[in-house]
Amino acid sequence: MRLIDAIDLIGGGTPKTTVAEYWNGNIPWLSVKDFNNDDCYVYATEKTITEAGLNNSSTKMLEKDDIIISARGTVGELAMIPFPMAFNQSCYGIRGKKDVVTKSYLYYLLKNSIQLLKSQTHGSVFDTITRDTFANIEIDLPDFETQRTIANTLSALDARIAENKKINHHLEQMAQAIFKSWFVDFEPFADGEFIDSELGEIPVGWSVQTIECLSEKVAMGPFGSNIKVETFVESGVPIISGNHLRGLYLDELGYNFITEEHANRLSNSLVRAGDIIFTHAGNIGQVALIPEDCDYPCYIISQRQFYLRCNKTKVLPEYINYFFHSREGQGKLLANASQTGVPSIARPSSHLKSIKVVQPPIDVQLAWFDKVCAMLQTLNSNKRENKKLMSMRDSLLPRLMSGELSVADLAAK
């Protein structure tokens, strides 16, 4: 049967941005930036709308376990909806027909069909998924019991991945709270002496330094023309994108690669363990540290990024990384940002170098890092487990959908 005959497509819309009473309500309003992370469910949205915004626009409400798919520009991002949400016109809501397909099975069927969906896009300027895209795809649906067994198998892996991410988010919050206690509120040093500095009172023996004084190198990513899709290869030097900068540490999933020869021609943009990556255009304010146990000896950053290599005799990269994840650090990083057109940080390298931070003695930094080290080990262990779980899920998905691996095979395992 045709895919279009198994689903109902639902269109989205955007309330007028000039009408304030349409926005900042209690209705989550989805755009692709909210679900471009390979998670099964999307739980939070950057923007919300009011009942008035819903009633005075073409946006619709999706129900629990409906599916959202990005349909224009960045096409093929996919997620399920855990509770009612509205969405914009660059996406489709997808609801499976009750007598044809189960909701969870439909999600994995679509996930397995993403490349086919992308091959059926239309549009001369932007790739666009249309109703015809779904009409041109033929599918074979197993019986409901088989659908449930397949979906339950894959959902169990996604549930474990989501739980690990939830634990990691909590660990990051705890670690950042300890950073604030030590280096913003100075709680462990409250009984000591303090001196005045240009950044306020700080413990005796501490100083204020610019990032330039604490760094070995600050450098920009290559111009966009130097890394093109046609230069991508199956393996080589991984390219860091914004999707890899979602937390304290580099998220090592889903790389594109260029050859070592090509990367060496862009050697000023090569980064390694201990370097801190920043975005200066687009999703500005993203910051992540490449951990010491990273998967590759080197990486290359994209044209919207720049990086900092710390002088480790003066400052721990972890200290600077946590600083730029703090409210104060984010404020300083974005102090000269422009929101006109594509959001961007003006003169990012020179701006970063000029930022002033408190420099605790290196032994104090090491003592702090020892306090959070166990948390970070758990965090990185969970990330490694998630990588294995995702690989298992992505290996099982096409085999289950094609029938190469049967429900009986699953029962035997």
Protein backbone atom coordinates (compact mmCIF):
# COMPACT_ATOMS: atom_id res chain seq x y z
CA MET A 1 0.00 0.00 0.00
CA ARG A 2 1.01 3.65 -0.34
CA LEU A 3 2.38 5.36 2.77
CA ILE A 4 -0.13 8.21 2.31
CA ASP A 5 -3.01 5.71 2.73
CA ALA A 6 -1.76 4.68 6.19
CA ILE A 7 -1.56 8.18 7.67
CA ASP A 8 -3.28 11.53 8.10
CA LEU A 9 -1.08 14.56 7.35
CA ILE A 10 -1.61 17.65 9.48
CA GLY A 11 -0.36 21.11 8.51
CA GLY A 12 1.13 23.65 10.87
CA GLY A 13 1.30 27.42 11.05
CA THR A 14 2.70 30.46 12.84
CA PRO A 15 0.68 33.06 14.75
CA LYS A 16 1.47 36.65 13.80
CA THR A 17 4.74 37.55 15.48
CA THR A 18 3.63 41.19 15.74
CA VAL A 19 0.74 40.30 18.06
CA ALA A 20 2.18 39.94 21.56
CA GLU A 21 -0.89 38.25 23.03
CA TYR A 22 -0.40 35.28 20.68
CA TRP A 23 2.95 34.34 22.25
CA ASN A 24 4.51 33.16 25.53
CA GLY A 25 1.46 31.18 26.59
CA ASN A 26 1.23 27.61 27.88
CA ILE A 27 0.98 25.79 24.53
CA PRO A 28 4.31 24.34 23.28
CA TRP A 29 4.97 25.39 19.67
CA LEU A 30 7.41 23.24 17.71
CA SER A 31 9.96 24.15 15.08
CA VAL A 32 12.71 21.91 13.69
CA LYS A 33 15.34 23.28 16.10
CA ASP A 34 13.38 21.64 18.93
CA PHE A 35 13.75 18.07 17.64
CA ASN A 36 16.88 17.77 15.46
CA ASN A 37 18.73 15.59 17.97
CA ASP A 38 17.75 11.97 17.15
CA ASP A 39 15.67 11.65 20.35
CA CYS A 40 12.52 9.57 20.06
CA TYR A 41 10.38 12.12 21.93
CA VAL A 42 10.55 15.92 22.02
CA TYR A 43 9.70 17.28 25.47
CA ALA A 44 10.42 21.00 25.27
CA THR A 45 10.06 23.82 22.76
CA GLU A 46 11.92 27.09 22.51
CA LYS A 47 8.68 29.03 21.97
CA THR A 48 5.13 28.80 23.27
CA ILE A 49 1.83 30.30 22.12
CA THR A 50 -1.49 31.22 23.72
CA GLU A 51 -5.01 29.98 23.03
CA ALA A 52 -5.54 33.21 21.06
CA GLY A 53 -2.47 32.42 18.95
CA LEU A 54 -3.78 28.91 18.31
CA ASN A 55 -7.26 30.12 17.36
CA ASN A 56 -6.03 32.93 15.09
CA SER A 57 -3.52 31.01 12.99
CA SER A 58 -3.33 27.91 10.84
CA THR A 59 -1.33 25.94 13.41
CA LYS A 60 -2.92 22.75 14.73
CA MET A 61 -2.59 20.69 17.90
CA LEU A 62 -0.86 17.34 17.73
CA GLU A 63 -1.95 14.59 20.12
CA LYS A 64 0.10 12.27 22.32
CA ASP A 65 2.19 9.87 20.19
CA ASP A 66 1.57 11.77 16.97
CA ILE A 67 4.72 12.31 14.91
CA ILE A 68 6.39 15.53 13.79
CA ILE A 69 8.62 15.66 10.70
CA SER A 70 10.54 18.61 9.29
CA ALA A 71 9.35 19.15 5.74
CA ARG A 72 11.22 22.17 4.36
CA GLY A 73 14.90 23.14 4.26
CA THR A 74 16.35 20.72 6.81
CA VAL A 75 14.05 17.84 5.90
CA GLY A 76 13.56 14.51 7.58
CA GLU A 77 14.08 15.34 11.26
CA LEU A 78 11.64 13.22 13.21
CA ALA A 79 10.16 12.86 16.71
CA MET A 80 7.11 11.66 18.60
CA ILE A 81 4.93 13.94 20.73
CA PRO A 82 4.56 13.02 24.44
CA PHE A 83 1.72 15.53 25.08
CA PRO A 84 -0.31 18.00 22.95
CA MET A 85 1.77 20.56 21.03
CA ALA A 86 1.29 23.02 18.17
CA PHE A 87 3.82 23.42 15.36
CA ASN A 88 4.93 25.64 12.50
CA GLN A 89 4.36 25.41 8.77
CA SER A 90 7.82 23.99 8.02
CA CYS A 91 6.72 20.68 9.51
CA TYR A 92 4.03 18.07 9.06
CA GLY A 93 2.17 16.34 11.82
CA ILE A 94 1.63 12.66 11.04
CA ARG A 95 -1.08 10.53 12.62
CA GLY A 96 -1.38 6.85 11.79
CA LYS A 97 -4.79 5.48 10.86
CA LYS A 98 -5.97 3.44 13.83
CA ASP A 99 -7.12 0.42 11.84
CA VAL A 100 -3.90 0.30 9.78
CA VAL A 101 -0.79 1.02 11.84
CA THR A 102 0.22 1.40 15.49
CA LYS A 103 1.70 4.76 16.48
CA SER A 104 5.08 3.50 17.66
CA TYR A 105 5.55 1.23 14.66
CA LEU A 106 4.77 4.15 12.34
CA TYR A 107 7.52 6.20 13.99
CA TYR A 108 10.13 3.50 13.31
CA LEU A 109 8.76 2.88 9.83
CA LEU A 110 9.26 6.58 9.03
CA LYS A 111 12.68 6.60 10.71
CA ASN A 112 13.70 3.72 8.46
CA SER A 113 12.31 5.56 5.41
CA ILE A 114 14.04 8.92 5.94
CA GLN A 115 16.51 8.55 3.06
CA LEU A 116 13.68 7.46 0.76
CA LEU A 117 11.60 10.44 1.88
CA LYS A 118 14.52 12.78 1.22
CA SER A 119 14.94 11.33 -2.28
CA GLN A 120 11.31 12.24 -3.02
CA THR A 121 11.55 15.92 -2.07
CA HIS A 122 10.42 18.72 -4.35
CA GLY A 123 11.26 22.39 -4.83
CA SER A 124 13.73 24.41 -6.89
CA VAL A 125 15.10 26.52 -4.01
CA PHE A 126 14.49 24.45 -0.84
CA ASP A 127 14.10 20.70 -0.57
CA THR A 128 10.50 20.16 0.51
CA ILE A 129 8.51 17.12 1.57
CA THR A 130 4.96 17.33 0.18
CA ARG A 131 1.87 15.13 0.19
CA ASP A 132 3.15 13.63 -3.08
CA THR A 133 6.30 12.50 -1.25
CA PHE A 134 4.22 10.20 0.94
CA ALA A 135 2.03 9.15 -2.00
CA ASN A 136 5.07 7.95 -3.96
CA ILE A 137 6.32 5.56 -1.26
CA GLU A 138 5.07 1.98 -1.11
CA ILE A 139 5.09 0.11 2.21
CA ASP A 140 4.29 -3.39 3.45
CA LEU A 141 2.70 -3.49 6.89
CA PRO A 142 2.81 -6.62 9.07
CA ASP A 143 -0.06 -7.59 11.36
CA PHE A 144 -0.66 -5.55 14.53
CA GLU A 145 0.99 -8.07 16.85
CA THR A 146 4.17 -8.02 14.77
CA GLN A 147 4.07 -4.22 14.64
CA ARG A 148 3.85 -4.07 18.44
CA THR A 149 6.69 -6.55 18.97
CA ILE A 150 9.01 -4.69 16.61
CA ALA A 151 8.12 -1.28 18.07
CA ASN A 152 8.51 -2.52 21.65
CA THR A 153 11.98 -3.89 20.89
CA LEU A 154 13.18 -0.62 19.40
CA SER A 155 11.35 1.51 21.98
CA ALA A 156 13.15 -0.29 24.82
CA LEU A 157 16.49 0.85 23.37
CA ASP A 158 15.26 4.42 22.90
CA ALA A 159 13.89 4.45 26.46
CA ARG A 160 17.29 3.46 27.85
CA ILE A 161 18.97 6.14 25.73
CA ALA A 162 16.50 8.74 27.04
CA GLU A 163 17.08 7.66 30.65
CA ASN A 164 20.85 8.01 30.25
CA LYS A 165 20.38 11.49 28.79
CA LYS A 166 18.13 12.43 31.71
CA ILE A 167 20.76 11.21 34.20
CA ASN A 168 23.48 13.13 32.34
CA HIS A 169 21.43 16.32 32.36
CA HIS A 170 21.06 15.97 36.14
CA LEU A 171 24.79 15.29 36.55
CA GLU A 172 25.66 18.37 34.49
CA GLN A 173 23.38 20.51 36.66
CA MET A 174 24.99 19.14 39.82
CA ALA A 175 28.49 19.74 38.48
CA GLN A 176 27.62 23.29 37.46
CA ALA A 177 26.15 23.93 40.91
CA ILE A 178 29.48 22.89 42.47
CA PHE A 179 31.30 25.23 40.06
CA LYS A 180 29.05 28.11 41.16
CA SER A 181 29.59 27.25 44.83
CA TRP A 182 33.39 27.35 44.43
CA PHE A 183 34.01 30.09 41.88
CA VAL A 184 31.00 32.43 42.01
CA ASP A 185 29.85 32.26 45.64
CA PHE A 186 33.31 31.24 47.03
CA GLU A 187 31.62 29.09 49.70
CA PRO A 188 34.64 26.84 50.45
CA PHE A 189 36.77 29.97 50.99
CA ALA A 190 34.31 32.05 53.03
CA ASP A 191 36.53 32.01 56.12
CA GLY A 192 39.59 33.26 54.26
CA GLU A 193 40.71 36.75 53.30
CA PHE A 194 39.42 38.54 50.21
CA ILE A 195 40.76 41.36 48.06
CA ASP A 196 39.04 43.78 45.71
CA SER A 197 39.45 43.19 41.97
CA GLU A 198 37.90 44.61 38.82
CA LEU A 199 35.50 41.62 38.89
CA GLY A 200 34.56 42.12 42.54
CA GLU A 201 35.92 40.56 45.70
CA ILE A 202 38.04 37.42 45.21
CA PRO A 203 40.08 35.27 47.63
CA VAL A 204 43.64 36.32 48.38
CA GLY A 205 46.08 34.66 45.99
CA TRP A 206 43.60 34.64 43.11
CA SER A 207 43.84 37.02 40.13
CA VAL A 208 41.92 38.37 37.15
CA GLN A 209 43.21 37.49 33.67
CA THR A 210 42.06 37.80 30.08
CA ILE A 211 41.34 34.65 28.12
CA GLU A 212 44.24 35.64 25.85
CA CYS A 213 46.65 35.42 28.80
CA LEU A 214 45.30 31.98 29.73
CA SER A 215 45.34 30.47 26.23
CA GLU A 216 47.82 28.95 23.82
CA LYS A 217 45.61 29.55 20.81
CA VAL A 218 42.28 31.00 19.69
CA ALA A 219 41.38 30.28 16.06
CA MET A 220 38.44 30.29 13.66
CA GLY A 221 36.88 27.56 11.58
CA PRO A 222 37.49 27.42 7.81
CA PHE A 223 35.52 29.39 5.27
CA GLY A 224 32.43 27.48 4.15
CA SER A 225 33.77 27.09 0.62
CA ASN A 226 36.61 24.97 1.98
CA ILE A 227 34.32 22.18 3.25
CA LYS A 228 31.71 21.11 0.72
CA VAL A 229 29.36 18.14 0.70
CA GLU A 230 31.23 16.69 -2.26
CA THR A 231 34.41 16.51 -0.15
CA PHE A 232 32.77 14.19 2.43
CA VAL A 233 34.13 10.65 2.69
CA GLU A 234 33.14 7.50 4.60
CA SER A 235 35.89 7.88 7.21
CA GLY A 236 38.72 10.26 7.98
CA VAL A 237 38.73 13.44 10.07
CA PRO A 238 35.30 14.14 11.64
CA ILE A 239 33.64 17.53 11.18
CA ILE A 240 32.16 19.09 14.33
CA SER A 241 28.72 20.65 13.80
CA GLY A 242 26.31 22.44 16.11
CA ASN A 243 24.59 19.12 16.85
CA HIS A 244 27.76 17.98 18.61
CA LEU A 245 27.77 20.95 21.02
CA ARG A 246 24.65 20.22 23.06
CA GLY A 247 26.18 19.84 26.51
CA LEU A 248 29.34 20.30 28.52
CA TYR A 249 31.24 17.80 26.40
CA LEU A 250 31.41 17.01 22.70
CA ASP A 251 28.59 14.66 21.67
CA GLU A 252 30.32 12.12 19.43
CA LEU A 253 27.44 11.00 17.20
CA GLY A 254 26.66 11.29 13.50
CA TYR A 255 29.78 12.85 11.99
CA ASN A 256 30.53 13.74 8.41
CA PHE A 257 34.18 13.21 7.48
CA ILE A 258 36.81 14.71 5.19
CA THR A 259 40.12 13.17 4.20
CA GLU A 260 43.24 13.70 6.31
CA GLU A 261 44.86 15.37 3.31
CA HIS A 262 41.99 17.86 3.03
CA ALA A 263 41.99 18.43 6.79
CA ASN A 264 45.72 19.10 6.84
CA ARG A 265 45.21 21.86 4.28
CA LEU A 266 42.91 23.46 6.88
CA SER A 267 45.31 22.77 9.74
CA ASN A 268 44.51 26.00 11.59
CA SER A 269 40.98 24.66 12.11
CA LEU A 270 42.05 21.26 13.46
CA VAL A 271 41.15 20.64 17.11
CA ARG A 272 41.96 17.90 19.61
CA ALA A 273 41.31 16.67 23.15
CA GLY A 274 41.25 19.55 25.64
CA ASP A 275 40.14 22.18 23.12
CA ILE A 276 36.94 24.14 23.75
CA ILE A 277 34.62 24.73 20.77
CA PHE A 278 32.29 27.76 20.47
CA THR A 279 29.68 28.78 17.89
CA HIS A 280 29.87 32.36 16.65
CA ALA A 281 26.96 32.31 14.14
CA GLY A 282 23.56 30.66 14.09
CA ASN A 283 23.04 28.92 17.44
CA ILE A 284 25.41 31.27 19.22
CA GLY A 285 26.40 30.48 22.78
CA GLN A 286 27.02 26.77 22.23
CA VAL A 287 30.15 25.63 24.04
CA ALA A 288 31.64 22.14 24.47
CA LEU A 289 34.95 20.64 25.55
CA ILE A 290 36.56 17.77 23.64
CA PRO A 291 37.20 15.21 26.41
CA GLU A 292 40.51 13.47 26.95
CA ASP A 293 38.96 10.07 26.10
CA CYS A 294 37.55 11.31 22.79
CA ASP A 295 37.07 8.93 19.86
CA TYR A 296 39.45 10.57 17.35
CA PRO A 297 42.96 12.06 17.50
CA CYS A 298 41.75 15.26 15.83
CA TYR A 299 38.63 16.94 14.47
CA ILE A 300 37.89 19.88 12.22
CA ILE A 301 35.45 22.64 13.16
CA SER A 302 32.94 24.16 10.78
CA GLN A 303 32.88 27.71 9.45
CA ARG A 304 30.49 28.91 12.19
CA GLN A 305 32.77 27.84 15.00
CA PHE A 306 35.99 28.88 16.70
CA TYR A 307 38.05 27.30 19.43
CA LEU A 308 40.19 27.95 22.47
CA ARG A 309 43.28 25.94 23.47
CA CYS A 310 44.11 26.65 27.11
CA ASN A 311 47.57 27.00 28.61
CA LYS A 312 47.23 24.11 31.07
CA THR A 313 49.98 25.43 33.33
CA LYS A 314 47.69 28.37 34.11
CA VAL A 315 44.14 27.07 33.78
CA LEU A 316 42.29 23.78 33.37
CA PRO A 317 40.22 23.54 30.17
CA GLU A 318 37.41 22.14 32.36
CA TYR A 319 37.42 25.34 34.45
CA ILE A 320 37.07 27.56 31.37
CA ASN A 321 34.45 25.23 29.88
CA TYR A 322 32.32 25.42 33.03
CA PHE A 323 32.79 29.19 33.19
CA PHE A 324 31.35 29.64 29.69
CA HIS A 325 28.40 27.42 30.58
CA SER A 326 27.63 29.62 33.59
CA ARG A 327 25.24 32.56 33.42
CA GLU A 328 28.13 35.01 33.82
CA GLY A 329 30.21 33.30 31.13
CA GLN A 330 27.34 33.15 28.65
CA GLY A 331 26.63 36.82 29.29
CA LYS A 332 30.22 37.80 28.53
CA LEU A 333 30.41 35.53 25.48
CA LEU A 334 27.24 37.02 23.99
CA ALA A 335 27.92 40.62 25.08
CA ASN A 336 28.49 41.89 21.53
CA ALA A 337 26.18 39.46 19.72
CA SER A 338 23.91 40.72 16.96
CA GLN A 339 20.42 39.27 16.46
CA THR A 340 19.94 40.90 13.04
CA GLY A 341 19.65 38.30 10.29
CA VAL A 342 21.68 35.25 11.31
CA PRO A 343 22.57 35.70 15.02
CA SER A 344 26.33 36.19 15.33
CA ILE A 345 29.12 37.21 17.68
CA ALA A 346 31.08 40.15 16.28
CA ARG A 347 34.86 39.64 15.91
CA PRO A 348 34.62 36.33 17.81
CA SER A 349 38.35 35.61 18.26
CA SER A 350 39.33 39.06 19.49
CA HIS A 351 36.17 39.29 21.59
CA LEU A 352 36.91 35.95 23.30
CA LYS A 353 40.52 36.93 23.96
CA SER A 354 39.42 40.15 25.68
CA ILE A 355 37.03 38.48 28.15
CA LYS A 356 38.29 38.67 31.72
CA VAL A 357 37.88 35.80 34.18
CA VAL A 358 38.89 35.02 37.71
CA GLN A 359 41.98 32.77 37.79
CA PRO A 360 42.13 30.58 40.90
CA PRO A 361 45.48 28.95 41.72
CA ILE A 362 45.96 25.74 39.73
CA ASP A 363 45.88 23.61 42.91
CA VAL A 364 42.42 25.03 43.72
CA GLN A 365 41.23 24.21 40.20
CA LEU A 366 42.54 20.65 40.56
CA ALA A 367 40.81 20.24 43.93
CA TRP A 368 37.51 21.41 42.39
CA PHE A 369 37.92 19.10 39.42
CA ASP A 370 38.55 16.17 41.77
CA LYS A 371 35.13 16.90 43.35
CA VAL A 372 33.28 16.61 40.02
CA CYS A 373 35.44 13.94 38.41
CA ALA A 374 33.26 10.99 39.47
CA MET A 375 30.18 12.71 38.02
CA LEU A 376 31.96 13.30 34.74
CA GLN A 377 33.11 9.69 34.56
CA THR A 378 29.50 8.55 34.95
CA LEU A 379 28.37 11.10 32.37
CA ASN A 380 30.92 9.92 29.81
CA SER A 381 30.14 6.26 30.58
CA ASN A 382 26.47 6.94 29.85
CA LYS A 383 27.41 8.65 26.60
CA ARG A 384 29.46 5.63 25.53
CA GLU A 385 26.59 3.31 26.42
CA ASN A 386 24.19 5.46 24.41
CA LYS A 387 26.48 5.27 21.42
CA LYS A 388 26.35 1.46 21.60
CA LEU A 389 22.58 1.45 22.09
CA MET A 390 22.06 3.76 19.13
CA SER A 391 24.29 1.58 16.98
CA MET A 392 22.29 -1.49 18.03
CA ARG A 393 18.97 0.26 17.32
CA ASP A 394 20.12 1.55 13.95
CA SER A 395 21.38 -1.92 13.01
CA LEU A 396 18.14 -3.65 14.05
CA LEU A 397 15.82 -1.07 12.46
CA PRO A 398 16.31 -1.90 8.74
CA ARG A 399 16.54 -5.63 9.41
CA LEU A 400 13.26 -5.68 11.33
CA MET A 401 11.47 -3.47 8.83
CA SER A 402 12.63 -5.51 5.84
CA GLY A 403 11.78 -8.84 7.46
CA GLU A 404 15.41 -9.99 7.38
CA LEU A 405 15.08 -10.36 11.16
CA SER A 406 11.71 -11.76 12.24
CA VAL A 407 9.66 -11.56 15.41
CA ALA A 408 10.50 -15.23 16.00
CA ASP A 409 14.20 -14.33 15.84
CA LEU A 410 13.61 -11.70 18.53
CA ALA A 411 11.80 -14.19 20.75
CA ALA A 412 14.71 -16.63 20.39
CA LYS A 413 17.13 -13.98 21.58
